[in-house]
Protein backbone atom coordinates (compact mmCIF):
# COMPACT_ATOMS: atom_id res chain seq x y z
CA MET A 1 27.68 3.27 5.25
CA SER A 2 23.99 2.85 6.09
CA ARG A 3 22.92 0.99 9.18
CA ALA A 4 21.15 -1.41 6.81
CA ALA A 5 24.34 -3.43 6.40
CA ASP A 6 24.07 -4.50 10.03
CA SER A 7 20.37 -5.35 9.80
CA ILE A 8 20.43 -8.17 7.22
CA ARG A 9 19.13 -11.42 8.67
CA GLU A 10 18.07 -14.82 7.40
CA PRO A 11 14.90 -14.88 5.23
CA ALA A 12 11.78 -14.76 7.36
CA VAL A 13 9.36 -17.66 7.78
CA LEU A 14 5.93 -16.17 8.39
CA PRO A 15 2.57 -17.81 9.16
CA PRO A 16 0.09 -18.22 6.29
CA LEU A 17 -2.73 -15.72 5.85
CA GLU A 18 -6.41 -16.36 5.30
CA SER A 19 -7.29 -14.70 1.99
CA ARG A 20 -10.26 -14.32 -0.32
CA TYR A 21 -10.76 -13.21 -3.91
CA LEU A 22 -13.03 -10.18 -4.40
CA LEU A 23 -14.05 -10.05 -8.07
CA GLY A 24 -10.89 -12.01 -8.89
CA MET A 25 -8.46 -9.93 -6.82
CA ARG A 26 -6.87 -11.42 -3.71
CA VAL A 27 -7.27 -9.57 -0.42
CA ASP A 28 -5.50 -10.81 2.72
CA GLY A 29 -7.02 -11.02 6.19
CA THR A 30 -4.14 -9.20 7.83
CA SER A 31 -3.93 -6.57 10.59
CA TYR A 32 -1.62 -3.72 11.56
CA ALA A 33 0.36 -6.00 13.88
CA ASP A 34 0.63 -8.78 11.30
CA ALA A 35 1.54 -6.44 8.43
CA MET A 36 4.19 -4.71 10.51
CA GLU A 37 5.78 -8.00 11.51
CA ARG A 38 5.92 -9.14 7.90
CA VAL A 39 7.36 -5.89 6.57
CA MET A 40 9.98 -5.64 9.32
CA ALA A 41 11.00 -9.29 8.84
CA TRP A 42 11.38 -8.70 5.09
CA ALA A 43 13.31 -5.51 5.76
CA HIS A 44 15.75 -7.13 8.14
CA ALA A 45 16.26 -10.01 5.68
CA GLY A 46 16.72 -7.68 2.70
CA GLU A 47 13.94 -9.42 0.77
CA SER A 48 12.44 -8.01 -2.42
CA ARG A 49 8.69 -7.92 -1.67
CA TYR A 50 5.72 -5.67 -2.30
CA LEU A 51 2.62 -4.72 -0.35
CA CYS A 52 -0.48 -3.14 -1.87
CA ALA A 53 -2.76 -1.15 0.43
CA SER A 54 -5.94 -1.74 -1.52
CA SER A 55 -9.35 -0.18 -1.84
CA VAL A 56 -12.40 -0.68 -4.05
CA ASN A 57 -10.46 1.24 -6.70
CA ASN A 58 -7.81 -1.51 -6.83
CA VAL A 59 -10.47 -4.22 -7.05
CA MET A 60 -12.26 -2.54 -9.93
CA GLU A 61 -9.09 -1.66 -11.82
CA ALA A 62 -8.07 -5.32 -11.46
CA HIS A 63 -11.54 -6.46 -12.56
CA ASP A 64 -11.33 -4.29 -15.68
CA GLU A 65 -7.78 -5.22 -16.70
CA ARG A 66 -6.34 -8.72 -16.51
CA ALA A 67 -2.73 -7.52 -16.51
CA PHE A 68 -3.36 -5.34 -13.46
CA GLN A 69 -5.17 -8.20 -11.73
CA GLU A 70 -1.98 -10.23 -12.13
CA VAL A 71 0.02 -7.38 -10.58
CA MET A 72 -2.30 -7.30 -7.57
CA ASN A 73 -2.45 -11.06 -7.14
CA GLY A 74 1.33 -11.25 -7.38
CA ALA A 75 1.80 -9.01 -4.34
CA ASP A 76 3.24 -10.52 -1.17
CA LEU A 77 0.59 -8.79 0.93
CA VAL A 78 -2.67 -7.11 -0.09
CA THR A 79 -4.17 -5.21 2.82
CA PRO A 80 -7.82 -4.09 3.10
CA ASP A 81 -7.18 -0.35 3.04
CA GLY A 82 -10.88 0.59 3.11
CA MET A 83 -13.86 -0.68 5.08
CA PRO A 84 -15.72 -2.08 2.03
CA LEU A 85 -12.92 -4.61 1.57
CA VAL A 86 -13.05 -5.50 5.27
CA TRP A 87 -16.79 -6.09 4.98
CA GLY A 88 -16.17 -8.09 1.81
CA LEU A 89 -13.71 -10.38 3.59
CA LYS A 90 -16.16 -10.89 6.45
CA LEU A 91 -18.98 -11.75 4.04
CA LEU A 92 -16.69 -14.36 2.48
CA GLY A 93 -15.89 -15.95 5.83
CA VAL A 94 -12.84 -14.11 7.18
CA GLY A 95 -14.46 -13.06 10.43
CA HIS A 96 -11.30 -11.60 11.99
CA ALA A 97 -10.64 -9.19 9.08
CA THR A 98 -9.72 -5.65 10.14
CA ARG A 99 -8.81 -2.51 8.26
CA THR A 100 -5.12 -2.02 7.54
CA TYR A 101 -4.99 1.55 6.26
CA GLY A 102 -1.91 2.58 4.26
CA PRO A 103 -1.29 6.00 5.87
CA THR A 104 -1.62 4.58 9.39
CA LEU A 105 0.60 1.59 8.57
CA THR A 106 3.19 3.97 7.12
CA GLN A 107 3.36 5.95 10.35
CA MET A 108 3.53 2.85 12.52
CA LEU A 109 6.35 1.47 10.40
CA CYS A 110 8.28 4.76 10.51
CA GLU A 111 8.09 4.69 14.29
CA ARG A 112 9.27 1.10 14.47
CA ALA A 113 11.99 1.59 11.84
CA ALA A 114 13.32 4.52 13.86
CA ARG A 115 13.38 2.37 16.98
CA GLU A 116 15.12 -0.57 15.25
CA GLY A 117 17.54 1.46 13.13
CA VAL A 118 16.08 0.40 9.78
CA PRO A 119 16.64 2.99 7.01
CA VAL A 120 13.63 3.89 4.87
CA GLY A 121 13.02 5.54 1.52
CA PHE A 122 10.19 7.51 -0.09
CA TYR A 123 9.44 7.36 -3.82
CA GLY A 124 6.69 9.45 -5.40
CA GLY A 125 4.79 12.67 -4.89
CA ALA A 126 5.63 16.23 -5.87
CA GLN A 127 8.91 17.69 -4.63
CA ASP A 128 7.25 20.26 -2.38
CA VAL A 129 5.17 17.49 -0.78
CA LEU A 130 8.31 15.43 -0.19
CA ASP A 131 10.05 18.44 1.37
CA GLU A 132 7.18 18.85 3.83
CA LEU A 133 7.08 15.10 4.40
CA MET A 134 10.78 15.09 5.33
CA GLU A 135 10.20 17.92 7.77
CA ALA A 136 7.31 16.02 9.34
CA CYS A 137 9.49 12.91 9.65
CA ARG A 138 12.30 14.83 11.34
CA ARG A 139 9.83 16.34 13.77
CA ARG A 140 7.91 13.16 14.60
CA TRP A 141 10.65 10.52 14.37
CA PRO A 142 14.01 12.24 14.95
CA ASP A 143 15.85 8.89 14.99
CA LEU A 144 14.43 7.78 11.64
CA GLU A 145 17.07 7.42 8.94
CA VAL A 146 15.66 8.48 5.56
CA ALA A 147 18.20 7.01 3.17
CA TYR A 148 16.31 7.74 -0.06
CA CYS A 149 13.79 10.32 -1.23
CA TYR A 150 12.86 11.04 -4.84
CA SER A 151 10.05 12.79 -6.70
CA PRO A 152 9.84 11.25 -10.19
CA PRO A 153 8.57 13.25 -13.16
CA PHE A 154 4.85 13.11 -13.96
CA ARG A 155 5.38 11.04 -17.09
CA ALA A 156 6.52 7.56 -18.00
CA LEU A 157 10.18 7.03 -17.19
CA THR A 158 12.57 5.98 -19.91
CA HIS A 159 14.35 2.65 -19.67
CA ASP A 160 17.54 4.40 -18.54
CA GLU A 161 15.68 6.43 -15.93
CA LYS A 162 14.03 3.31 -14.52
CA ALA A 163 17.40 1.59 -14.25
CA ARG A 164 18.92 4.65 -12.57
CA VAL A 165 16.11 4.88 -10.00
CA ALA A 166 16.47 1.19 -9.12
CA ALA A 167 20.24 1.55 -8.82
CA ASP A 168 19.89 4.63 -6.61
CA VAL A 169 17.42 2.86 -4.32
CA GLU A 170 19.77 -0.11 -3.98
CA ALA A 171 22.80 2.10 -3.35
CA SER A 172 20.98 4.12 -0.68
CA GLY A 173 20.71 1.18 1.70
CA ALA A 174 17.03 1.85 2.37
CA ARG A 175 15.39 -1.29 3.79
CA ILE A 176 11.74 -0.18 3.43
CA ILE A 177 10.52 1.78 0.41
CA PHE A 178 7.25 3.69 0.70
CA VAL A 179 5.76 4.32 -2.75
CA GLY A 180 3.26 7.15 -3.19
CA LEU A 181 2.33 7.17 -6.88
CA GLY A 182 -1.34 6.27 -6.57
CA THR A 183 -3.11 3.21 -7.96
CA PRO A 184 -2.49 1.62 -10.41
CA LYS A 185 0.85 3.32 -11.08
CA GLN A 186 2.46 2.50 -7.74
CA ASP A 187 1.42 -1.15 -7.89
CA ARG A 188 2.85 -1.57 -11.38
CA TRP A 189 6.11 0.11 -10.33
CA MET A 190 6.54 -2.22 -7.39
CA ALA A 191 5.81 -5.32 -9.47
CA GLU A 192 8.36 -4.21 -12.08
CA ASN A 193 11.03 -3.83 -9.41
CA VAL A 194 10.66 -7.17 -7.66
CA GLY A 195 14.10 -8.78 -7.73
CA VAL A 196 15.66 -5.43 -8.60
CA VAL A 197 15.01 -3.51 -5.37
CA HIS A 198 16.03 -5.74 -2.47
CA ALA A 199 13.68 -4.29 0.11
CA PRO A 200 9.96 -4.45 0.82
CA MET A 201 8.06 -1.86 -1.23
CA LEU A 202 4.77 -0.51 0.10
CA GLY A 203 2.20 1.21 -2.12
CA VAL A 204 0.57 3.63 0.30
CA GLY A 205 -1.28 6.09 -1.96
CA ALA A 206 -2.02 9.44 -0.34
CA ALA A 207 0.00 8.72 2.82
CA PHE A 208 2.68 11.25 1.84
CA ASP A 209 0.12 14.06 1.57
CA PHE A 210 -1.55 13.13 4.86
CA ILE A 211 1.68 12.87 6.87
CA ALA A 212 3.00 16.10 5.33
CA GLY A 213 -0.23 17.85 6.30
CA ARG A 214 -1.09 18.69 2.69
CA LYS A 215 -4.46 16.92 2.80
CA LYS A 216 -6.90 16.24 5.59
CA GLN A 217 -7.99 12.73 6.41
CA ALA A 218 -11.66 11.92 6.85
CA PRO A 219 -12.97 12.06 10.44
CA ALA A 220 -12.65 8.77 12.30
CA LEU A 221 -16.43 8.27 12.36
CA LEU A 222 -16.69 8.51 8.56
CA GLN A 223 -13.80 6.08 8.22
CA ARG A 224 -15.49 3.54 10.51
CA LEU A 225 -18.73 3.88 8.56
CA GLY A 226 -16.94 3.27 5.27
CA LEU A 227 -17.68 6.82 4.08
CA GLU A 228 -14.14 8.10 3.70
CA TRP A 229 -14.72 8.03 -0.07
CA LEU A 230 -17.44 10.67 0.29
CA PHE A 231 -15.15 12.98 2.28
CA ARG A 232 -12.40 12.63 -0.32
CA LEU A 233 -14.80 13.07 -3.23
CA VAL A 234 -16.06 16.36 -1.78
CA SER A 235 -12.44 17.44 -1.18
CA GLU A 236 -11.16 16.54 -4.67
CA PRO A 237 -14.16 16.07 -7.00
CA ARG A 238 -12.34 16.65 -10.31
CA ARG A 239 -9.60 14.13 -9.55
CA LEU A 240 -11.63 11.46 -7.80
CA TRP A 241 -15.10 11.48 -9.35
CA ARG A 242 -14.44 8.52 -11.64
CA ARG A 243 -12.87 6.45 -8.88
CA TYR A 244 -15.87 6.80 -6.58
CA LEU A 245 -18.92 7.51 -8.76
CA TYR A 246 -18.04 4.94 -11.40
CA HIS A 247 -16.18 2.22 -9.50
CA ASN A 248 -18.10 2.14 -6.21
CA PRO A 249 -21.60 1.39 -7.58
CA ARG A 250 -20.21 -1.24 -9.93
CA PHE A 251 -18.35 -2.89 -7.06
CA ALA A 252 -21.49 -2.99 -4.92
CA VAL A 253 -23.49 -4.71 -7.66
CA LEU A 254 -20.82 -7.10 -8.89
CA PHE A 255 -19.63 -8.12 -5.43
CA GLY A 256 -23.23 -8.54 -4.33
CA VAL A 257 -23.68 -11.03 -7.17
CA GLN A 258 -20.48 -12.82 -6.10
CA VAL A 259 -21.70 -13.17 -2.51
CA LEU A 260 -25.10 -14.40 -3.66
CA ARG A 261 -23.53 -17.01 -5.91
CA GLU A 262 -21.30 -18.16 -3.06
CA LYS A 263 -24.27 -18.56 -0.73
CA LEU A 264 -26.20 -20.50 -3.36
CA ARG A 265 -23.19 -22.75 -3.94
CA LEU A 266 -22.84 -23.50 -0.23
CA ASN A 267 -26.56 -24.22 0.12
CA SER A 268 -26.80 -26.49 -2.91
């Protein structure tokens, strides 16, 4: 029996967040401390929730597709994963906004889950990446209970496969599920499993690769300057060119128009 059975508590009552809509997609003015408290409260209560660690890519995918915008706006927490979203929140009046980066949040939650005896699960990524991720977890957090770990096929799952995955996650007793499928796939998966998987699900993108040591993260200075996208584009140009060279300029123009309209509205 997983330790999760002993960790179920009453549903959590959490303070409201200050949020803004960037091109129609909600982004929350959260922080590492706030996000951790929310996720751990949901985990202990066994609540079916989902968190999207979001970048400009999420905003533009949501801008271009109404159905995906609904997925993003239906999330229980949307964190500003990249600095452009932090700056966007600040420009719209959320002065305390700070970056809440998926890979860093994942590591902080693993440490806390190990300390509090909360089992976790990992869904997504290639099998060899997951193998290295598990080794990294054993080395860094020896008390962490990994109750579930699965690398799904790189294709759409059948109805029966989806049902089996959800049943396996539930049976594992995992109380936090980290989802590493990439946007928009991971966000859709989490939305589909609300009410089915009774644990908070976190879409954390490339966190599995970073923690496993498969990919290098951008230097801290580039991250603070909002230039992590450039580092990743140089590292993986064939995979990421559309995300950065198509989405980023459009975001800058469209969000600039949004900010200008907001200022004109306030001054009228």
